[in-house]
């Protein structure tokens, strides 16, 4: 194998693929990136056995072939080369090493045989549909903060992507049992009858990085055990979480007796201030509602107390209810409207938070005892 590649294009592709490679691996081949040189391009592949990223880069190929080299080391070498440099990658016929040459710089890297590199992309993908990158990014960004980090409930460690019941929409839902985030977009052509799938947290984060700032179309393909996101010269394939997502619709209140509207920024700032002295474990903040007024209070027996009052839209019976301040701030950060809307029942029932500017999202918060 012998190819010449422009440094900036190669660096961008390497940055994408090496991000899934774990720094410490018990299987040496998983620390490597597969470099496969075709007639006029080089295909880079990296995997951790759960996610595989493949990206193609234009190249001048003098001798086709394939080899695997340490991913992070190759990335660091290319990153430190000057802008505009032309790289030459060549696999020695007898040495089993890859030389990386650019100008007066010369590197020699240990290589492993490409036939030992695992292939995650095989298999049939029965359902396929296309989404604008912005729509996919919105589904993820509006819900990923609620993904559970509790490994024992592994089926909550991702975003549940599915066709909403009785609605022509593609819905994303995440929950950790204490809060729930839901977002949806119009159902793309080809997504009808798709299976509900749980996309793992790491995959979600990688997809966001890959489509960041892009406005391309993303093809989503699904099988019973894998999902594939294709965008231009880049393809991400991932295993799905093998589990059953709970019937989340049961925890979304269907009715409410109280409405609270508050300025989004003022509310978030006040919660942030009073929570400064909250207990690290519970982060509890008490919301006391009276007509036209909301009082936020925190009491920490070891540190002291804090209280702040806000003018709000509320014209019902007084109510006291507690929430985790971190969860309130996470939800408030997603609200695009100037005001956020709380739909409450009583101090022991789940509360729905809505963005008046975006009817396609909703958030549910479980109350706390304070």
Protein backbone atom coordinates (compact mmCIF):
# COMPACT_ATOMS: atom_id res chain seq x y z
CA UNK A 1 0.00 0.00 0.00
CA UNK A 2 1.19 3.48 -0.88
CA UNK A 3 -0.95 6.65 -0.91
CA UNK A 4 -0.64 10.44 -0.77
CA UNK A 5 -3.27 12.43 1.18
CA UNK A 6 -3.81 16.12 1.93
CA UNK A 7 -3.21 16.73 5.64
CA UNK A 8 -6.35 18.75 6.61
CA UNK A 9 -8.82 16.31 5.00
CA UNK A 10 -7.00 13.35 6.55
CA UNK A 11 -6.96 15.02 9.98
CA UNK A 12 -10.69 15.74 9.88
CA UNK A 13 -11.52 12.14 9.02
CA UNK A 14 -9.10 10.77 11.62
CA UNK A 15 -10.65 13.03 14.25
CA UNK A 16 -14.06 11.54 13.49
CA UNK A 17 -13.06 7.87 13.54
CA UNK A 18 -10.51 7.84 16.38
CA UNK A 19 -13.01 9.25 18.87
CA UNK A 20 -14.60 5.81 19.33
CA UNK A 21 -11.25 4.13 20.04
CA UNK A 22 -10.74 3.48 23.75
CA UNK A 23 -7.41 4.66 25.19
CA UNK A 24 -6.92 1.36 26.98
CA UNK A 25 -7.70 -1.88 25.20
CA UNK A 26 -7.15 -5.50 26.13
CA UNK A 27 -7.52 -6.39 22.43
CA UNK A 28 -4.61 -4.70 20.57
CA UNK A 29 -6.38 -4.50 17.17
CA UNK A 30 -9.10 -2.28 18.72
CA UNK A 31 -6.48 0.41 19.40
CA UNK A 32 -5.89 0.63 15.66
CA UNK A 33 -7.58 2.31 12.72
CA UNK A 34 -8.04 0.32 9.53
CA UNK A 35 -6.62 2.21 6.54
CA UNK A 36 -7.93 0.80 3.26
CA UNK A 37 -6.58 2.43 0.08
CA UNK A 38 -8.70 2.14 -3.06
CA UNK A 39 -8.14 3.64 -6.51
CA UNK A 40 -8.78 7.30 -5.62
CA UNK A 41 -9.66 7.32 -1.92
CA UNK A 42 -8.69 6.00 1.48
CA UNK A 43 -11.32 4.50 3.77
CA UNK A 44 -10.68 4.83 7.51
CA UNK A 45 -12.46 2.50 9.95
CA UNK A 46 -12.39 2.43 13.77
CA UNK A 47 -14.47 0.44 16.25
CA UNK A 48 -14.86 -0.48 19.91
CA UNK A 49 -17.04 -3.51 19.00
CA UNK A 50 -20.18 -1.51 19.87
CA UNK A 51 -19.73 1.42 17.48
CA UNK A 52 -18.01 1.54 14.11
CA UNK A 53 -17.22 4.76 12.22
CA UNK A 54 -16.12 4.66 8.57
CA UNK A 55 -15.07 7.73 6.58
CA UNK A 56 -13.63 8.05 3.09
CA UNK A 57 -11.03 10.65 2.07
CA UNK A 58 -9.81 11.54 -1.42
CA UNK A 59 -6.26 10.35 -2.04
CA UNK A 60 -3.72 9.61 -4.75
CA UNK A 61 -3.14 5.87 -4.67
CA UNK A 62 0.12 4.54 -6.05
CA UNK A 63 -0.42 1.06 -4.65
CA UNK A 64 -3.80 -0.13 -3.25
CA UNK A 65 -3.90 -2.13 -0.05
CA UNK A 66 -4.95 -2.19 3.60
CA UNK A 67 -3.26 -2.02 6.99
CA UNK A 68 -4.10 -1.15 10.60
CA UNK A 69 -2.07 1.35 12.66
CA UNK A 70 -2.43 2.86 16.16
CA UNK A 71 -5.35 5.31 15.89
CA UNK A 72 -4.46 7.91 18.52
CA UNK A 73 -0.77 7.93 17.59
CA UNK A 74 -1.54 8.45 13.89
CA UNK A 75 -4.01 11.22 14.77
CA UNK A 76 -1.43 13.00 16.97
CA UNK A 77 1.21 12.78 14.24
CA UNK A 78 -1.10 14.25 11.59
CA UNK A 79 -2.38 16.91 14.01
CA UNK A 80 1.15 18.16 14.67
CA UNK A 81 2.11 18.40 11.00
CA UNK A 82 1.96 21.86 9.35
CA UNK A 83 -1.14 23.03 7.46
CA UNK A 84 -1.08 22.25 3.75
CA UNK A 85 1.29 19.29 4.16
CA UNK A 86 1.01 16.28 1.86
CA UNK A 87 1.26 12.95 3.67
CA UNK A 88 2.59 9.78 2.20
CA UNK A 89 1.56 6.49 3.83
CA UNK A 90 3.40 3.38 2.78
CA UNK A 91 3.34 -0.17 4.07
CA UNK A 92 6.74 -1.83 3.92
CA UNK A 93 6.62 -5.09 1.96
CA UNK A 94 8.72 -7.08 4.40
CA UNK A 95 8.98 -4.93 7.54
CA UNK A 96 5.29 -5.01 8.56
CA UNK A 97 5.57 -1.33 9.48
CA UNK A 98 3.89 1.75 8.04
CA UNK A 99 5.92 4.83 7.19
CA UNK A 100 4.27 8.25 7.48
CA UNK A 101 6.22 10.90 5.60
CA UNK A 102 5.51 14.63 5.20
CA UNK A 103 8.20 17.04 4.06
CA UNK A 104 11.23 16.41 6.26
CA UNK A 105 9.21 14.48 8.86
CA UNK A 106 9.54 10.69 8.92
CA UNK A 107 7.64 8.28 11.15
CA UNK A 108 7.52 4.50 11.28
CA UNK A 109 4.55 2.84 13.01
CA UNK A 110 3.91 -0.74 14.03
CA UNK A 111 1.11 -2.37 12.05
CA UNK A 112 -1.29 -5.25 12.58
CA UNK A 113 -2.87 -7.35 9.78
CA UNK A 114 -6.14 -5.93 8.37
CA UNK A 115 -7.78 -9.36 8.22
CA UNK A 116 -7.87 -9.38 12.05
CA UNK A 117 -9.90 -6.16 12.16
CA UNK A 118 -13.56 -6.77 13.25
CA UNK A 119 -16.44 -5.91 10.91
CA UNK A 120 -19.50 -4.42 12.56
CA UNK A 121 -21.25 -3.17 9.41
CA UNK A 122 -22.48 -6.50 8.06
CA UNK A 123 -26.13 -7.53 8.23
CA UNK A 124 -29.46 -6.53 6.76
CA UNK A 125 -31.04 -3.16 7.58
CA UNK A 126 -34.76 -3.49 6.86
CA UNK A 127 -36.00 0.02 7.68
CA UNK A 128 -34.48 3.10 6.04
CA UNK A 129 -35.48 6.76 6.17
CA UNK A 130 -33.84 10.15 5.71
CA UNK A 131 -33.82 13.06 8.16
CA UNK A 132 -32.36 16.58 7.91
CA UNK A 133 -29.30 16.79 10.17
CA UNK A 134 -30.96 19.66 12.08
CA UNK A 135 -34.02 17.54 12.90
CA UNK A 136 -31.90 14.64 14.15
CA UNK A 137 -29.73 17.02 16.18
CA UNK A 138 -32.84 18.55 17.76
CA UNK A 139 -34.26 15.14 18.75
CA UNK A 140 -30.99 14.26 20.47
CA UNK A 141 -30.19 17.63 22.08
CA UNK A 142 -33.68 17.98 23.56
CA UNK A 143 -33.61 14.58 25.24
CA UNK A 144 -30.07 13.33 25.90
CA UNK A 145 -29.68 15.10 29.27
CA UNK A 146 -32.32 12.77 30.74
CA UNK A 147 -30.52 9.54 29.77
CA UNK A 148 -29.89 7.39 32.84
CA UNK A 149 -26.33 6.72 33.97
CA UNK A 150 -27.41 3.85 36.21
CA UNK A 151 -25.88 0.74 34.62
CA UNK A 152 -28.21 -1.69 36.41
CA UNK A 153 -31.15 -0.27 34.45
CA UNK A 154 -29.30 -0.64 31.16
CA UNK A 155 -32.48 -0.25 29.08
CA UNK A 156 -32.59 3.42 30.19
CA UNK A 157 -28.97 4.10 29.10
CA UNK A 158 -30.00 5.53 25.74
CA UNK A 159 -32.63 7.35 23.70
CA UNK A 160 -35.77 5.45 22.72
CA UNK A 161 -36.41 6.24 19.04
CA UNK A 162 -39.79 5.14 17.70
CA UNK A 163 -42.95 6.02 15.81
CA UNK A 164 -45.37 7.76 18.18
CA UNK A 165 -48.63 5.94 18.75
CA UNK A 166 -51.58 7.35 16.82
CA UNK A 167 -49.38 10.17 15.49
CA UNK A 168 -47.43 10.68 12.29
CA UNK A 169 -44.26 11.57 14.12
CA UNK A 170 -40.82 10.21 14.93
CA UNK A 171 -40.33 10.49 18.68
CA UNK A 172 -37.26 10.43 20.91
CA UNK A 173 -37.64 9.77 24.64
CA UNK A 174 -35.10 9.55 27.46
CA UNK A 175 -35.69 9.02 31.16
CA UNK A 176 -33.75 8.12 34.29
CA UNK A 177 -36.84 7.41 36.37
CA UNK A 178 -36.78 10.85 38.02
CA UNK A 179 -37.34 12.96 34.90
CA UNK A 180 -38.38 12.41 31.30
CA UNK A 181 -37.66 14.29 28.09
CA UNK A 182 -39.65 13.84 24.90
CA UNK A 183 -39.18 15.41 21.46
CA UNK A 184 -40.62 14.62 18.05
CA UNK A 185 -40.46 15.56 14.39
CA UNK A 186 -42.71 14.75 11.43
CA UNK A 187 -42.48 11.05 10.52
CA UNK A 188 -40.04 10.71 7.59
CA UNK A 189 -41.01 8.69 4.54
CA UNK A 190 -39.93 5.09 5.04
CA UNK A 191 -40.16 5.20 8.84
CA UNK A 192 -43.71 3.84 8.97
CA UNK A 193 -43.81 0.61 10.93
CA UNK A 194 -40.24 0.98 12.17
CA UNK A 195 -39.33 -0.97 15.29
CA UNK A 196 -38.80 1.01 18.48
CA UNK A 197 -35.06 1.04 19.21
CA UNK A 198 -32.87 2.18 22.12
CA UNK A 199 -29.79 4.03 20.83
CA UNK A 200 -26.93 3.90 23.40
CA UNK A 201 -25.62 7.04 25.09
CA UNK A 202 -22.15 6.82 23.53
CA UNK A 203 -23.66 6.48 20.05
CA UNK A 204 -25.90 9.48 20.65
CA UNK A 205 -22.90 11.62 21.66
CA UNK A 206 -20.89 10.51 18.62
CA UNK A 207 -23.77 11.28 16.24
CA UNK A 208 -24.10 14.80 17.68
CA UNK A 209 -20.38 15.40 17.13
CA UNK A 210 -20.51 14.12 13.55
CA UNK A 211 -23.49 16.27 12.49
CA UNK A 212 -22.49 19.37 14.46
CA UNK A 213 -22.78 22.43 12.25
CA UNK A 214 -23.80 20.33 9.25
CA UNK A 215 -27.01 20.77 7.28
CA UNK A 216 -26.84 17.57 5.26
CA UNK A 217 -29.38 14.79 5.04
CA UNK A 218 -28.80 11.80 7.32
CA UNK A 219 -29.95 8.35 6.26
CA UNK A 220 -31.00 6.20 9.21
CA UNK A 221 -31.11 2.43 8.69
CA UNK A 222 -32.37 -0.03 11.30
CA UNK A 223 -32.12 -3.75 11.89
CA UNK A 224 -33.24 -5.75 14.92
CA UNK A 225 -29.88 -5.24 16.63
CA UNK A 226 -28.11 -2.31 14.90
CA UNK A 227 -28.61 1.26 13.71
CA UNK A 228 -26.66 2.99 10.96
CA UNK A 229 -26.34 6.74 10.36
CA UNK A 230 -24.99 7.68 6.92
CA UNK A 231 -24.00 11.25 6.00
CA UNK A 232 -21.95 11.90 2.89
CA UNK A 233 -18.65 10.04 3.09
CA UNK A 234 -19.21 9.10 6.72
CA UNK A 235 -21.06 6.10 8.16
CA UNK A 236 -21.62 5.27 11.83
CA UNK A 237 -22.92 1.81 12.72
CA UNK A 238 -23.85 0.93 16.28
CA UNK A 239 -25.29 -1.92 18.25
CA UNK A 240 -28.63 -1.16 19.89
CA UNK A 241 -29.43 -1.71 23.55
CA UNK A 242 -31.08 -5.12 23.79
CA UNK A 243 -33.89 -4.40 26.20
CA UNK A 244 -37.47 -3.17 26.51
CA UNK A 245 -38.04 0.52 27.13
CA UNK A 246 -40.74 1.08 29.78
CA UNK A 247 -44.21 2.31 28.89
CA UNK A 248 -43.24 5.94 29.48
CA UNK A 249 -46.64 7.33 28.45
CA UNK A 250 -48.11 6.05 31.71
CA UNK A 251 -46.07 8.55 33.74
CA UNK A 252 -47.04 11.59 31.63
CA UNK A 253 -50.02 13.22 33.38
CA UNK A 254 -53.10 13.48 31.18
CA UNK A 255 -54.65 16.30 33.22
CA UNK A 256 -53.68 19.08 35.61
CA UNK A 257 -55.41 21.54 37.92
CA UNK A 258 -52.77 24.27 38.19
CA UNK A 259 -50.75 26.29 35.70
CA UNK A 260 -47.58 28.20 36.50
CA UNK A 261 -45.78 30.40 33.97
CA UNK A 262 -42.41 31.93 34.77
CA UNK A 263 -39.74 33.90 32.94
CA UNK A 264 -37.30 31.20 31.81
CA UNK A 265 -34.06 33.09 32.47
CA UNK A 266 -35.17 34.63 35.77
CA UNK A 267 -36.41 31.25 37.01
CA UNK A 268 -33.16 29.46 36.07
CA UNK A 269 -31.01 32.19 37.65
CA UNK A 270 -33.00 32.11 40.90
CA UNK A 271 -32.87 28.30 41.13
CA UNK A 272 -29.14 28.41 40.47
CA UNK A 273 -28.59 30.97 43.22
CA UNK A 274 -30.59 29.31 46.00
CA UNK A 275 -29.24 25.84 45.16
CA UNK A 276 -25.71 27.03 45.94
CA UNK A 277 -26.10 25.84 49.53
CA UNK A 278 -28.20 22.73 48.84
CA UNK A 279 -27.08 19.30 49.93
CA UNK A 280 -24.83 17.72 47.30
CA UNK A 281 -26.80 14.47 47.37
CA UNK A 282 -30.42 15.65 47.09
CA UNK A 283 -30.05 19.15 45.57
CA UNK A 284 -33.61 19.75 46.76
CA UNK A 285 -35.34 23.09 46.27
CA UNK A 286 -38.84 23.86 47.56
CA UNK A 287 -41.22 25.83 45.35
CA UNK A 288 -43.99 27.61 47.30
CA UNK A 289 -46.75 28.96 45.06
CA UNK A 290 -49.23 31.69 45.90
CA UNK A 291 -51.21 34.01 43.65
CA UNK A 292 -48.76 35.84 41.38
CA UNK A 293 -45.78 34.75 43.46
CA UNK A 294 -43.26 31.90 43.59
CA UNK A 295 -40.86 31.46 46.51
CA UNK A 296 -37.82 29.23 46.01
CA UNK A 297 -36.27 27.94 49.22
CA UNK A 298 -33.38 25.68 50.18
CA UNK A 299 -32.62 24.50 53.70
CA UNK A 300 -29.31 22.81 54.48
CA UNK A 301 -28.92 21.95 58.19
CA UNK A 302 -25.12 22.02 57.85
CA UNK A 303 -24.72 25.18 55.74
CA UNK A 304 -27.76 27.40 56.23
CA UNK A 305 -30.74 28.42 54.12
CA UNK A 306 -31.60 30.47 51.05
CA UNK A 307 -34.78 32.00 49.72
CA UNK A 308 -35.76 34.02 46.66
CA UNK A 309 -39.08 35.33 45.46
CA UNK A 310 -40.24 35.67 41.82
CA UNK A 311 -43.26 37.31 40.24
CA UNK A 312 -45.01 34.61 38.16
CA UNK A 313 -48.25 33.81 36.42
CA UNK A 314 -50.28 31.75 38.94
CA UNK A 315 -53.86 32.25 40.13
CA UNK A 316 -54.75 29.07 42.01
CA UNK A 317 -54.68 27.65 45.53
CA UNK A 318 -51.31 27.80 47.34
CA UNK A 319 -49.06 24.80 46.71
CA UNK A 320 -45.71 23.59 48.00
CA UNK A 321 -43.70 21.16 45.90
CA UNK A 322 -40.04 20.12 45.81
CA UNK A 323 -37.72 19.29 42.91
CA UNK A 324 -34.09 18.44 42.29
CA UNK A 325 -32.53 21.80 41.36
CA UNK A 326 -30.21 20.20 38.80
CA UNK A 327 -33.21 18.76 36.96
CA UNK A 328 -34.99 22.12 36.98
CA UNK A 329 -31.90 23.80 35.49
CA UNK A 330 -31.48 21.09 32.83
CA UNK A 331 -35.06 21.57 31.67
CA UNK A 332 -34.88 25.37 31.82
CA UNK A 333 -31.79 25.30 29.58
CA UNK A 334 -33.85 23.59 26.85
CA UNK A 335 -36.65 26.19 26.82
CA UNK A 336 -36.45 28.50 23.80
CA UNK A 337 -39.40 30.72 24.73
CA UNK A 338 -39.13 33.66 27.13
CA UNK A 339 -41.57 31.92 29.47
CA UNK A 340 -41.76 28.31 30.61
CA UNK A 341 -45.03 26.60 31.54
CA UNK A 342 -45.53 24.20 34.45
CA UNK A 343 -48.62 21.97 34.54
CA UNK A 344 -49.13 20.82 38.16
CA UNK A 345 -51.62 18.64 39.99
CA UNK A 346 -50.44 18.38 43.60
CA UNK A 347 -47.24 18.04 45.64
CA UNK A 348 -46.97 14.29 45.04
CA UNK A 349 -47.77 14.05 41.31
CA UNK A 350 -45.46 14.36 38.29
CA UNK A 351 -45.24 17.86 36.80
CA UNK A 352 -45.17 18.57 33.07
CA UNK A 353 -42.97 21.41 31.81
CA UNK A 354 -43.59 22.78 28.33
CA UNK A 355 -41.91 25.20 25.96
CA UNK A 356 -44.68 27.51 24.63
CA UNK A 357 -42.52 28.12 21.56
CA UNK A 358 -42.13 24.42 20.70
CA UNK A 359 -45.17 22.16 20.94
CA UNK A 360 -43.08 19.14 19.88
CA UNK A 361 -41.22 18.83 23.19
CA UNK A 362 -42.31 18.15 26.76
CA UNK A 363 -40.55 17.36 30.02
CA UNK A 364 -41.80 15.51 33.09
CA UNK A 365 -40.31 15.99 36.57
CA UNK A 366 -41.00 13.77 39.56
CA UNK A 367 -41.41 15.77 42.79
CA UNK A 368 -39.24 15.36 45.90
CA UNK A 369 -40.03 15.51 49.58
CA UNK A 370 -38.56 18.70 51.06
